[in-house]
N, C-alpha and C. Protein backbone atom coordinates (compact mmCIF):
# COMPACT_ATOMS: atom_id res chain seq x y z
N MET A 1 133.20 96.85 21.09
CA MET A 1 132.39 95.57 20.72
C MET A 1 133.11 94.87 19.78
N LYS A 2 132.98 93.62 19.69
CA LYS A 2 133.72 92.78 18.46
C LYS A 2 132.51 93.01 17.22
N LYS A 3 133.12 92.59 16.17
CA LYS A 3 132.66 92.89 15.03
C LYS A 3 131.97 91.48 14.85
N THR A 4 130.59 91.49 15.02
CA THR A 4 129.76 90.36 14.93
C THR A 4 129.46 90.12 13.55
N PHE A 5 129.32 91.07 12.55
CA PHE A 5 128.97 90.89 11.14
C PHE A 5 129.99 91.72 10.38
N LYS A 6 130.18 91.24 9.11
CA LYS A 6 131.07 91.59 8.23
C LYS A 6 130.96 93.16 7.77
N GLU A 7 131.85 93.97 8.16
CA GLU A 7 131.96 95.37 7.76
C GLU A 7 132.04 95.54 6.38
N ILE A 8 131.74 96.64 5.82
CA ILE A 8 131.83 96.95 4.24
C ILE A 8 133.29 97.26 4.06
N THR A 9 133.65 96.82 2.77
CA THR A 9 135.05 96.99 2.28
C THR A 9 135.27 98.16 1.71
N LYS A 10 136.54 98.40 1.24
CA LYS A 10 136.88 99.63 0.39
C LYS A 10 136.47 99.54 -1.03
N VAL A 11 136.51 98.27 -1.46
CA VAL A 11 135.95 97.86 -2.87
C VAL A 11 134.49 98.11 -3.00
N GLU A 12 133.74 97.72 -2.00
CA GLU A 12 132.41 98.04 -1.95
C GLU A 12 132.03 99.46 -1.68
N LEU A 13 132.85 100.26 -1.06
CA LEU A 13 132.54 101.75 -1.02
C LEU A 13 132.91 102.64 -2.30
N GLN A 14 133.95 101.79 -3.02
CA GLN A 14 134.17 102.53 -4.41
C GLN A 14 133.19 102.20 -5.40
N MET A 15 132.57 101.03 -5.10
CA MET A 15 131.61 100.69 -6.16
C MET A 15 130.23 101.49 -5.88
N LEU A 16 130.02 101.89 -4.62
CA LEU A 16 128.89 102.83 -4.11
C LEU A 16 129.15 104.17 -4.85
N LYS A 17 130.44 104.71 -4.90
CA LYS A 17 130.86 105.92 -5.27
C LYS A 17 130.48 105.89 -6.80
N GLU A 18 130.80 104.62 -7.49
CA GLU A 18 130.85 104.99 -8.97
C GLU A 18 129.58 104.82 -9.62
N CYS A 19 128.46 104.08 -8.84
CA CYS A 19 127.21 103.55 -9.46
C CYS A 19 125.95 104.57 -9.14
N ILE A 20 126.21 105.40 -8.02
CA ILE A 20 125.00 106.01 -7.79
C ILE A 20 125.14 107.39 -7.47
N ARG A 21 124.11 108.33 -7.40
CA ARG A 21 124.22 109.70 -6.97
C ARG A 21 122.95 109.98 -5.91
N TYR A 22 123.03 110.52 -4.86
CA TYR A 22 122.28 110.87 -3.81
C TYR A 22 122.07 112.27 -3.86
N ASP A 23 120.63 112.68 -3.96
CA ASP A 23 120.09 114.04 -3.82
C ASP A 23 119.56 114.26 -2.41
N SER A 24 120.29 114.73 -1.45
CA SER A 24 120.10 115.12 0.15
C SER A 24 118.76 115.72 0.27
N GLU A 25 118.12 116.45 -0.75
CA GLU A 25 117.06 117.28 -0.47
C GLU A 25 115.81 116.58 -0.76
N THR A 26 115.98 115.70 -1.74
CA THR A 26 114.73 114.76 -2.02
C THR A 26 114.92 113.45 -1.51
N GLY A 27 115.99 112.97 -1.00
CA GLY A 27 116.27 111.56 -0.49
C GLY A 27 116.17 110.41 -1.69
N VAL A 28 116.43 110.80 -2.83
CA VAL A 28 116.12 110.11 -3.99
C VAL A 28 117.62 109.56 -4.37
N PHE A 29 117.80 108.31 -4.89
CA PHE A 29 119.12 107.92 -5.37
C PHE A 29 118.92 107.83 -6.92
N HIS A 30 120.00 107.99 -7.62
CA HIS A 30 119.95 107.90 -9.31
C HIS A 30 121.32 107.28 -9.58
N ARG A 31 121.25 106.48 -10.65
CA ARG A 31 122.31 105.71 -11.21
C ARG A 31 123.05 106.66 -11.93
N LYS A 32 124.38 106.29 -11.98
CA LYS A 32 125.39 107.26 -12.65
C LYS A 32 125.74 106.65 -14.08
N PHE A 33 125.67 105.35 -14.05
CA PHE A 33 125.66 104.89 -15.67
C PHE A 33 124.85 103.50 -15.72
N GLY A 34 124.95 103.05 -17.00
CA GLY A 34 123.96 101.67 -17.21
C GLY A 34 122.65 102.20 -17.30
N LYS A 35 121.62 101.52 -16.75
CA LYS A 35 120.25 101.88 -16.92
C LYS A 35 120.04 103.21 -16.00
N MET A 36 119.93 104.13 -16.69
CA MET A 36 119.90 105.59 -16.01
C MET A 36 118.61 105.66 -15.34
N GLY A 37 118.35 106.85 -14.50
CA GLY A 37 117.19 107.08 -13.73
C GLY A 37 117.31 106.56 -12.42
N VAL A 38 116.21 106.94 -11.76
CA VAL A 38 116.06 106.66 -10.44
C VAL A 38 116.16 105.20 -9.79
N VAL A 39 116.91 105.07 -8.73
CA VAL A 39 117.27 103.64 -8.28
C VAL A 39 115.87 103.20 -7.71
N LYS A 40 115.51 101.92 -8.02
CA LYS A 40 114.01 101.62 -7.20
C LYS A 40 114.61 100.74 -6.00
N LEU A 41 114.29 101.04 -4.83
CA LEU A 41 114.70 100.53 -3.77
C LEU A 41 113.95 99.21 -3.41
N CYS A 42 114.72 98.15 -2.77
CA CYS A 42 113.94 96.85 -2.55
C CYS A 42 113.61 97.24 -0.82
N TRP A 43 112.43 96.79 -0.69
CA TRP A 43 112.02 96.87 0.85
C TRP A 43 111.41 95.27 1.27
N SER A 44 112.55 94.37 1.66
CA SER A 44 112.11 93.08 2.06
C SER A 44 112.18 93.21 3.55
N ASN A 45 112.24 94.35 4.08
CA ASN A 45 112.29 94.54 5.60
C ASN A 45 111.91 96.04 5.92
N VAL A 46 112.17 96.48 6.93
CA VAL A 46 111.81 97.71 7.49
C VAL A 46 112.91 98.87 6.80
N HIS A 47 113.98 98.41 6.37
CA HIS A 47 114.83 99.47 5.59
C HIS A 47 115.03 99.12 4.21
N GLY A 48 115.02 99.90 3.45
CA GLY A 48 115.13 100.15 2.03
C GLY A 48 116.71 99.71 1.77
N THR A 49 116.85 98.93 0.63
CA THR A 49 118.30 98.65 0.14
C THR A 49 118.47 98.84 -1.16
N VAL A 50 119.52 99.72 -1.58
CA VAL A 50 119.75 100.02 -3.08
C VAL A 50 120.64 98.89 -3.69
N PRO A 51 120.03 98.14 -4.49
CA PRO A 51 120.75 97.06 -5.31
C PRO A 51 121.72 97.59 -6.39
N LEU A 52 122.93 97.25 -6.35
CA LEU A 52 123.78 97.66 -7.45
C LEU A 52 124.54 96.62 -8.03
N GLN A 53 125.00 96.74 -9.18
CA GLN A 53 125.54 95.81 -9.94
C GLN A 53 126.71 96.47 -10.80
N ASN A 54 127.89 95.93 -11.02
CA ASN A 54 128.92 96.23 -11.78
C ASN A 54 129.45 95.12 -12.62
N LYS A 55 130.55 95.12 -13.22
CA LYS A 55 130.98 93.80 -13.81
C LYS A 55 131.39 92.58 -13.36
N THR A 56 131.65 92.81 -11.98
CA THR A 56 132.06 91.80 -11.01
C THR A 56 131.29 91.16 -9.99
N ARG A 57 130.37 92.07 -9.73
CA ARG A 57 129.60 91.64 -8.50
C ARG A 57 128.21 92.54 -8.28
N LYS A 58 127.48 91.89 -7.74
CA LYS A 58 125.99 92.32 -7.26
C LYS A 58 126.07 92.44 -5.54
N LYS A 59 125.73 93.72 -5.35
CA LYS A 59 125.55 94.16 -3.79
C LYS A 59 124.35 94.91 -3.43
N TYR A 60 123.96 94.68 -2.44
CA TYR A 60 122.76 95.55 -1.67
C TYR A 60 123.22 96.31 -0.49
N PHE A 61 123.04 97.55 -0.84
CA PHE A 61 123.68 98.79 0.19
C PHE A 61 122.37 99.23 1.07
N THR A 62 122.23 99.29 2.23
CA THR A 62 121.19 99.97 3.11
C THR A 62 121.20 101.51 2.72
N ALA A 63 119.81 101.78 2.26
CA ALA A 63 119.67 103.10 1.73
C ALA A 63 120.10 104.39 2.65
N TRP A 64 119.77 104.20 4.00
CA TRP A 64 119.99 105.29 4.90
C TRP A 64 121.39 105.40 5.20
N ARG A 65 121.98 104.33 5.11
CA ARG A 65 123.64 104.14 5.29
C ARG A 65 124.30 104.78 4.12
N CYS A 66 123.57 104.57 2.87
CA CYS A 66 124.12 105.18 1.67
C CYS A 66 124.08 106.74 1.63
N ALA A 67 123.16 107.14 2.18
CA ALA A 67 122.57 108.73 2.34
C ALA A 67 123.69 109.18 3.31
N VAL A 68 124.05 108.75 4.37
CA VAL A 68 124.81 109.11 5.25
C VAL A 68 126.15 109.24 4.74
N TYR A 69 126.63 108.21 3.99
CA TYR A 69 127.92 108.20 3.51
C TYR A 69 128.16 109.25 2.43
N ALA A 70 127.07 109.38 1.55
CA ALA A 70 127.08 110.55 0.45
C ALA A 70 127.36 111.78 0.93
N VAL A 71 126.78 112.14 1.92
CA VAL A 71 126.83 113.46 2.59
C VAL A 71 128.11 113.67 3.61
N TYR A 72 128.32 112.95 4.36
CA TYR A 72 129.41 112.82 5.49
C TYR A 72 130.80 112.04 5.27
N GLY A 73 130.35 111.15 4.24
CA GLY A 73 131.83 110.61 4.07
C GLY A 73 132.02 109.26 4.99
N TYR A 74 130.98 108.82 5.65
CA TYR A 74 130.99 107.78 6.84
C TYR A 74 129.89 106.94 6.45
N TYR A 75 130.35 105.47 6.27
CA TYR A 75 129.20 104.66 6.06
C TYR A 75 128.99 103.96 7.49
N PRO A 76 127.80 104.05 7.87
CA PRO A 76 127.58 103.43 9.30
C PRO A 76 127.77 102.08 9.37
N ASN A 77 128.43 101.42 10.48
CA ASN A 77 128.54 99.94 10.37
C ASN A 77 127.22 99.39 11.12
N TYR A 78 127.40 98.00 11.25
CA TYR A 78 126.24 97.27 11.49
C TYR A 78 125.67 97.29 12.76
N SER A 79 126.49 98.02 13.56
CA SER A 79 126.25 98.06 15.21
C SER A 79 125.62 99.50 15.27
N ASP A 80 125.52 100.33 14.31
CA ASP A 80 124.75 101.48 14.29
C ASP A 80 123.29 101.22 13.89
N SER A 81 122.52 102.37 14.36
CA SER A 81 121.10 102.39 14.20
C SER A 81 120.66 103.39 13.55
N VAL A 82 119.34 103.65 13.32
CA VAL A 82 118.80 104.68 12.87
C VAL A 82 117.39 105.18 13.35
N ILE A 83 117.25 106.43 13.55
CA ILE A 83 115.71 107.04 13.87
C ILE A 83 115.68 108.14 12.61
N PHE A 84 114.14 107.89 12.01
CA PHE A 84 113.68 108.77 11.04
C PHE A 84 112.87 109.77 11.94
N LYS A 85 113.24 110.93 11.73
CA LYS A 85 112.70 112.14 12.65
C LYS A 85 111.10 112.09 12.58
N ASP A 86 110.63 111.96 11.43
CA ASP A 86 108.97 112.12 11.19
C ASP A 86 108.43 110.62 11.34
N GLY A 87 109.12 109.63 11.62
CA GLY A 87 108.77 108.32 11.60
C GLY A 87 108.33 107.50 10.44
N ASP A 88 108.85 108.14 9.14
CA ASP A 88 108.68 107.54 8.13
C ASP A 88 109.98 107.06 7.40
N ASN A 89 109.97 105.75 7.61
CA ASN A 89 111.25 104.97 7.04
C ASN A 89 111.65 105.30 5.57
N ARG A 90 110.64 105.53 4.81
CA ARG A 90 110.81 105.83 3.40
C ARG A 90 111.13 107.24 2.97
N ASN A 91 111.25 108.05 4.09
CA ASN A 91 111.71 109.51 3.74
C ASN A 91 113.18 109.44 4.06
N LEU A 92 114.02 109.38 3.05
CA LEU A 92 115.59 109.45 3.17
C LEU A 92 116.18 110.63 2.74
N LYS A 93 115.43 111.76 3.37
CA LYS A 93 116.11 113.25 3.13
C LYS A 93 117.09 113.14 4.24
N ILE A 94 118.14 113.79 4.04
CA ILE A 94 119.45 113.66 5.24
C ILE A 94 118.86 114.53 6.31
N GLU A 95 118.01 115.23 6.04
CA GLU A 95 117.59 115.97 7.51
C GLU A 95 116.50 115.27 8.13
N ASN A 96 116.21 113.95 7.83
CA ASN A 96 115.34 113.17 8.59
C ASN A 96 116.03 112.06 8.99
N ILE A 97 117.29 111.80 8.94
CA ILE A 97 117.98 110.70 9.18
C ILE A 97 118.82 111.02 10.68
N VAL A 98 118.73 110.12 11.69
CA VAL A 98 119.62 110.41 12.62
C VAL A 98 120.08 109.16 13.07
N VAL A 99 121.49 109.03 13.05
CA VAL A 99 122.19 107.78 13.37
C VAL A 99 122.46 107.59 14.87
N LEU A 100 122.38 106.47 15.47
CA LEU A 100 122.28 106.12 16.92
C LEU A 100 123.65 105.19 16.88
N ARG A 101 124.91 105.46 17.45
CA ARG A 101 125.91 104.68 17.49
C ARG A 101 126.13 104.15 19.09
N PRO A 102 126.18 102.70 19.28
CA PRO A 102 126.23 102.22 20.37
C PRO A 102 127.31 102.86 21.55
N SER A 103 127.23 103.08 22.63
CA SER A 103 128.11 103.76 23.47
C SER A 103 129.17 102.60 23.93
N GLU A 104 130.30 103.28 24.36
CA GLU A 104 131.37 102.29 24.83
C GLU A 104 130.89 101.52 25.92
N SER A 105 129.92 101.98 26.60
CA SER A 105 129.58 101.24 27.98
C SER A 105 128.61 100.21 27.64
N GLU A 106 128.10 100.06 26.53
CA GLU A 106 127.00 99.05 26.02
C GLU A 106 127.75 97.85 25.46
N GLN A 107 126.90 96.56 25.50
CA GLN A 107 127.47 95.42 24.97
C GLN A 107 126.15 94.68 24.76
N THR A 108 126.52 93.57 24.00
CA THR A 108 125.50 92.58 23.82
C THR A 108 125.72 91.26 24.40
N ILE A 109 124.78 90.55 24.66
CA ILE A 109 124.77 89.21 25.65
C ILE A 109 125.83 88.39 24.90
N MET A 110 125.67 88.17 23.45
CA MET A 110 126.67 87.28 22.90
C MET A 110 128.00 87.75 23.16
N ASP A 111 128.41 89.11 22.87
CA ASP A 111 129.68 89.66 22.94
C ASP A 111 130.17 89.55 24.32
N PHE A 112 129.69 89.57 25.42
CA PHE A 112 130.02 89.51 26.78
C PHE A 112 130.39 88.05 27.05
N ALA A 113 129.41 87.17 26.58
CA ALA A 113 129.67 85.61 26.75
C ALA A 113 130.94 85.14 25.97
N MET A 114 131.30 85.72 24.85
CA MET A 114 132.28 85.00 24.15
C MET A 114 133.51 85.80 24.46
N GLU A 115 133.61 87.19 25.15
CA GLU A 115 134.64 87.64 25.62
C GLU A 115 135.16 87.12 27.09
N HIS A 116 134.04 86.58 27.78
CA HIS A 116 134.60 85.83 28.81
C HIS A 116 134.48 84.34 29.10
N ASN A 117 134.20 83.63 27.97
CA ASN A 117 133.93 82.36 27.72
C ASN A 117 133.00 81.79 28.63
N ILE A 118 131.87 82.40 28.66
CA ILE A 118 130.55 82.09 29.39
C ILE A 118 129.49 81.57 28.57
N SER A 119 128.60 80.67 28.95
CA SER A 119 127.67 80.25 28.18
C SER A 119 126.47 81.50 27.94
N PRO A 120 126.33 81.60 26.83
CA PRO A 120 125.37 82.87 26.33
C PRO A 120 123.79 82.59 26.95
N GLN A 121 123.42 81.15 27.12
CA GLN A 121 122.05 80.97 27.74
C GLN A 121 121.98 81.46 29.16
N THR A 122 123.05 81.11 29.85
CA THR A 122 123.17 81.41 31.34
C THR A 122 123.23 83.11 31.39
N VAL A 123 123.99 83.67 30.56
CA VAL A 123 123.95 85.21 30.73
C VAL A 123 122.62 85.68 30.29
N ASN A 124 122.14 85.19 29.52
CA ASN A 124 120.73 85.71 29.17
C ASN A 124 119.69 85.29 30.34
N ALA A 125 119.75 84.40 30.87
CA ALA A 125 118.94 84.19 31.96
C ALA A 125 119.31 85.07 33.10
N ARG A 126 120.44 85.39 33.49
CA ARG A 126 120.68 86.15 34.54
C ARG A 126 120.26 87.75 34.27
N MET A 127 120.43 88.01 32.88
CA MET A 127 120.21 89.55 32.43
C MET A 127 118.58 89.88 32.18
N GLN A 128 117.82 88.90 32.57
CA GLN A 128 116.40 89.13 32.52
C GLN A 128 115.81 90.07 33.40
N GLY A 129 115.18 91.09 32.71
CA GLY A 129 114.59 92.36 33.56
C GLY A 129 115.43 93.36 33.75
N MET A 130 116.92 93.14 33.22
CA MET A 130 117.78 94.37 33.18
C MET A 130 117.28 95.44 32.26
N PRO A 131 117.56 96.70 32.45
CA PRO A 131 117.35 97.84 31.20
C PRO A 131 118.23 97.37 30.20
N ARG A 132 117.49 97.57 28.99
CA ARG A 132 118.46 97.30 27.58
C ARG A 132 117.68 98.34 26.47
N VAL A 133 118.58 98.27 25.63
CA VAL A 133 118.29 99.21 24.18
C VAL A 133 118.34 98.49 23.15
N SER A 134 117.17 98.58 22.34
CA SER A 134 116.83 97.70 21.24
C SER A 134 117.33 98.71 19.83
N ARG A 135 118.29 97.69 19.24
CA ARG A 135 118.96 98.37 17.95
C ARG A 135 118.78 97.40 16.59
N MET A 136 118.60 97.96 15.65
CA MET A 136 118.71 97.11 14.44
C MET A 136 120.04 96.88 13.88
N VAL A 137 120.49 95.72 13.97
CA VAL A 137 121.81 95.48 13.40
C VAL A 137 121.70 94.31 12.46
N TYR A 138 122.20 94.85 11.31
CA TYR A 138 122.00 94.14 9.96
C TYR A 138 120.83 93.28 9.64
N ARG A 139 119.62 94.16 9.85
CA ARG A 139 118.33 93.84 9.54
C ARG A 139 117.80 92.82 10.78
N SER A 140 118.28 92.85 11.83
CA SER A 140 117.95 91.87 12.85
C SER A 140 117.96 93.00 14.22
N ARG A 141 117.19 92.68 15.14
CA ARG A 141 116.91 93.53 16.24
C ARG A 141 117.65 92.73 17.40
N VAL A 142 118.74 93.69 17.95
CA VAL A 142 119.71 93.18 18.89
C VAL A 142 119.30 94.09 20.02
N TYR A 143 119.71 93.46 21.46
CA TYR A 143 119.56 94.25 22.57
C TYR A 143 120.84 94.48 23.08
N PHE A 144 121.10 95.77 23.47
CA PHE A 144 122.42 96.12 23.99
C PHE A 144 122.15 96.35 25.60
N TYR A 145 122.89 96.13 26.48
CA TYR A 145 122.83 96.12 28.00
C TYR A 145 124.32 96.98 28.33
N GLU A 146 124.08 97.72 29.47
CA GLU A 146 125.16 98.28 30.23
C GLU A 146 126.17 97.34 30.79
N LYS A 147 127.60 97.67 30.32
CA LYS A 147 128.51 96.93 30.75
C LYS A 147 128.51 96.44 32.43
N SER A 148 128.11 97.65 33.19
CA SER A 148 128.22 97.54 34.42
C SER A 148 127.21 96.64 35.15
N ASP A 149 126.01 96.40 34.26
CA ASP A 149 124.94 95.44 34.65
C ASP A 149 125.25 94.11 34.37
N PHE A 150 126.22 93.85 33.27
CA PHE A 150 126.79 92.47 33.24
C PHE A 150 127.69 92.03 34.50
N ILE A 151 128.47 93.02 34.78
CA ILE A 151 129.34 92.75 35.75
C ILE A 151 128.57 92.38 37.19
N LYS A 152 127.55 93.05 37.41
CA LYS A 152 126.71 92.80 38.67
C LYS A 152 126.01 91.51 38.39
N GLN A 153 125.35 91.40 37.44
CA GLN A 153 124.47 90.11 37.23
C GLN A 153 125.54 88.84 37.12
N CYS A 154 126.65 88.91 36.41
CA CYS A 154 127.30 87.83 36.02
C CYS A 154 128.63 87.94 36.44
N GLY A 155 129.14 88.88 37.02
CA GLY A 155 130.56 88.96 37.30
C GLY A 155 131.23 87.77 38.25
N ASP A 156 130.30 86.84 38.98
CA ASP A 156 130.86 85.79 39.55
C ASP A 156 131.24 84.42 38.56
N MET A 157 130.98 84.63 37.49
CA MET A 157 131.27 83.78 36.20
C MET A 157 132.60 84.11 35.73
N ILE A 158 132.84 85.09 35.87
CA ILE A 158 134.01 85.78 34.98
C ILE A 158 135.37 84.92 35.60
N GLY A 159 136.16 84.23 35.01
CA GLY A 159 137.30 83.60 35.14
C GLY A 159 137.29 82.20 35.28
N ARG A 160 135.86 81.65 35.64
CA ARG A 160 135.69 80.37 35.70
C ARG A 160 136.09 79.59 34.33
N THR A 161 136.30 78.01 34.53
CA THR A 161 136.49 77.36 33.38
C THR A 161 134.81 76.83 32.90
N ARG A 162 134.55 77.18 31.62
CA ARG A 162 133.14 76.93 31.36
C ARG A 162 132.93 75.49 31.27
N ARG A 163 131.82 74.95 31.89
CA ARG A 163 131.61 73.65 31.92
C ARG A 163 130.20 73.30 31.80
N ALA A 164 129.74 72.35 31.16
CA ALA A 164 128.14 72.46 31.03
C ALA A 164 127.30 72.50 32.12
N ASP A 165 127.89 72.09 33.31
CA ASP A 165 126.94 72.15 34.49
C ASP A 165 126.72 73.80 34.86
N TYR A 166 127.11 74.60 34.15
CA TYR A 166 127.03 75.94 34.61
C TYR A 166 125.68 76.43 34.12
N ASP A 167 125.15 75.70 32.79
CA ASP A 167 123.91 76.02 32.25
C ASP A 167 122.63 75.23 32.95
N SER A 168 122.94 74.82 34.19
CA SER A 168 121.87 74.09 35.07
C SER A 168 121.06 75.09 35.68
N GLU A 169 121.43 76.30 35.66
CA GLU A 169 120.67 77.34 36.29
C GLU A 169 119.51 77.84 35.46
N VAL A 170 119.71 77.39 34.10
CA VAL A 170 118.65 77.84 33.37
C VAL A 170 117.87 76.59 32.73
N ILE A 171 118.05 75.63 32.97
CA ILE A 171 117.46 74.29 32.73
C ILE A 171 116.30 74.14 33.57
N ILE A 172 114.87 74.01 33.16
CA ILE A 172 114.08 73.68 34.18
C ILE A 172 113.45 72.29 34.01
N VAL A 173 113.49 71.45 35.14
CA VAL A 173 113.14 69.99 34.73
C VAL A 173 111.85 69.92 35.10
N LYS A 174 110.95 69.38 34.08
CA LYS A 174 109.64 69.29 34.29
C LYS A 174 109.33 67.83 34.46
N PRO A 175 108.99 67.44 35.46
CA PRO A 175 108.72 65.71 35.62
C PRO A 175 107.46 65.65 34.77
N VAL A 176 107.46 64.31 34.22
CA VAL A 176 106.32 64.00 33.25
C VAL A 176 105.49 62.98 33.98
N ASN A 177 104.37 63.23 34.32
CA ASN A 177 103.44 62.47 34.86
C ASN A 177 102.62 61.66 33.83
N ILE A 178 102.90 60.39 33.49
CA ILE A 178 102.16 59.65 32.28
C ILE A 178 100.94 59.48 32.85
N ASP A 179 100.33 59.41 33.97
CA ASP A 179 98.80 59.29 34.34
C ASP A 179 98.10 60.37 34.01
N ARG A 180 98.69 61.58 33.78
CA ARG A 180 97.89 62.68 33.73
C ARG A 180 97.83 62.95 32.03
N GLN A 181 98.39 61.98 31.35
CA GLN A 181 98.23 62.14 29.88
C GLN A 181 97.16 60.71 29.34
N PRO A 182 95.69 60.74 29.47
CA PRO A 182 95.02 59.72 29.51
C PRO A 182 95.09 58.89 28.28
N ARG A 183 95.40 59.78 27.11
CA ARG A 183 95.42 58.99 25.81
C ARG A 183 96.61 58.91 25.23
N LYS A 184 97.62 59.61 25.44
CA LYS A 184 98.85 59.54 24.89
C LYS A 184 99.60 58.32 25.34
N ASN A 185 100.01 57.59 24.21
CA ASN A 185 100.90 56.34 24.43
C ASN A 185 100.04 55.03 25.13
N LYS A 186 98.76 55.28 24.89
CA LYS A 186 97.92 54.29 25.69
C LYS A 186 98.22 52.89 25.66
N MET A 187 98.66 52.45 24.35
CA MET A 187 98.81 51.10 24.17
C MET A 187 100.00 50.69 24.68
N ILE A 188 101.19 51.68 24.52
CA ILE A 188 102.47 51.17 25.42
C ILE A 188 102.45 51.10 26.91
N ARG A 189 101.52 52.08 27.59
CA ARG A 189 101.22 51.81 28.91
C ARG A 189 100.48 50.64 29.46
N ASP A 190 99.54 50.27 28.29
CA ASP A 190 98.78 49.02 28.78
C ASP A 190 99.80 47.76 28.71
N PHE A 191 100.50 47.87 27.60
CA PHE A 191 101.36 46.95 27.62
C PHE A 191 102.26 46.40 28.60
N LEU A 192 102.92 47.81 29.09
CA LEU A 192 103.88 47.63 30.32
C LEU A 192 103.11 47.31 31.52
N ALA A 193 101.95 47.68 31.78
CA ALA A 193 101.23 47.33 33.02
C ALA A 193 100.81 45.89 32.83
N TYR A 194 100.63 45.24 31.80
CA TYR A 194 100.09 43.91 31.83
C TYR A 194 101.39 42.98 31.97
N TRP A 195 102.71 43.35 31.15
CA TRP A 195 103.83 42.39 31.36
C TRP A 195 104.85 43.36 32.41
N HIS A 196 104.48 43.64 33.44
CA HIS A 196 105.25 44.13 34.48
C HIS A 196 106.22 43.14 35.20
N ASP A 197 105.67 41.90 35.07
CA ASP A 197 106.56 40.98 35.55
C ASP A 197 107.42 40.44 34.79
N ALA A 198 108.73 40.75 35.06
CA ALA A 198 109.79 40.36 33.95
C ALA A 198 109.94 38.71 33.70
N GLU A 199 109.70 37.84 34.66
CA GLU A 199 109.51 36.48 34.56
C GLU A 199 108.56 35.99 33.68
N SER A 200 107.47 36.71 33.49
CA SER A 200 106.35 36.25 32.84
C SER A 200 106.29 36.67 31.33
N MET A 201 107.39 37.71 31.11
CA MET A 201 107.59 38.30 29.85
C MET A 201 108.07 37.19 28.66
N PRO A 202 107.21 37.02 27.64
CA PRO A 202 107.55 35.90 26.64
C PRO A 202 108.81 36.11 26.05
N LYS A 203 109.53 34.86 25.90
CA LYS A 203 110.91 34.94 25.26
C LYS A 203 110.76 35.22 23.86
N THR A 204 109.90 34.81 22.97
CA THR A 204 109.69 35.03 21.69
C THR A 204 108.32 35.71 21.52
N TRP A 205 108.25 36.27 20.15
CA TRP A 205 107.20 36.96 19.76
C TRP A 205 106.67 36.68 18.43
N GLY A 206 105.53 36.31 18.21
CA GLY A 206 104.89 36.10 16.84
C GLY A 206 104.15 37.27 16.20
N MET A 207 103.84 37.05 15.00
CA MET A 207 103.15 38.06 14.40
C MET A 207 101.97 37.56 13.36
N THR A 208 100.90 37.96 13.44
CA THR A 208 99.72 37.36 12.56
C THR A 208 99.27 38.52 11.89
N LEU A 209 98.81 38.09 10.62
CA LEU A 209 98.08 39.22 9.82
C LEU A 209 96.69 38.92 9.98
N CYS A 210 95.87 39.75 10.19
CA CYS A 210 94.29 39.46 10.37
C CYS A 210 93.77 40.13 9.02
């Protein structure tokens, strides 16, 4: 899968090593220097983040990713998702964390569209109703589909030159019946009805203040 989001850098991983200590049995993070004590996590979304700051930068790390990195030496990327065994996302004990990595057979609508230069809107329309897996990717919910389903639903578009008219299948043209809107733009409709004859249309218009 293409890198849709920025991956963590070696500098940031080094910052993570230097700044905090993780207790895998309690799921608690502690600072190594500066303001000592327990790290207070930020909960602006369903996942807690670890706020860290050194002399040059401030960075927020996803707490469950930090826990996995501290124990296994692997920082899950943003295409990985997590399941908490007991259903409590605040329980950050390592035994409660299960990392789900997307299969090589999975792909997102955006990635498939970019790979084959196809309109994402058209791909999305064709994939309606197909089986999908929901994952949290960088604080957002993203749906993954089987690559074989993409080929089945959108294979005929691969290799074509992308043109605007390919999107016509997802555009629903709804004719507007002005007569069914009794109050909307009534003044304009009355004006046009009165001056429907172009020859009788006044050449100049005056304005009076009442």
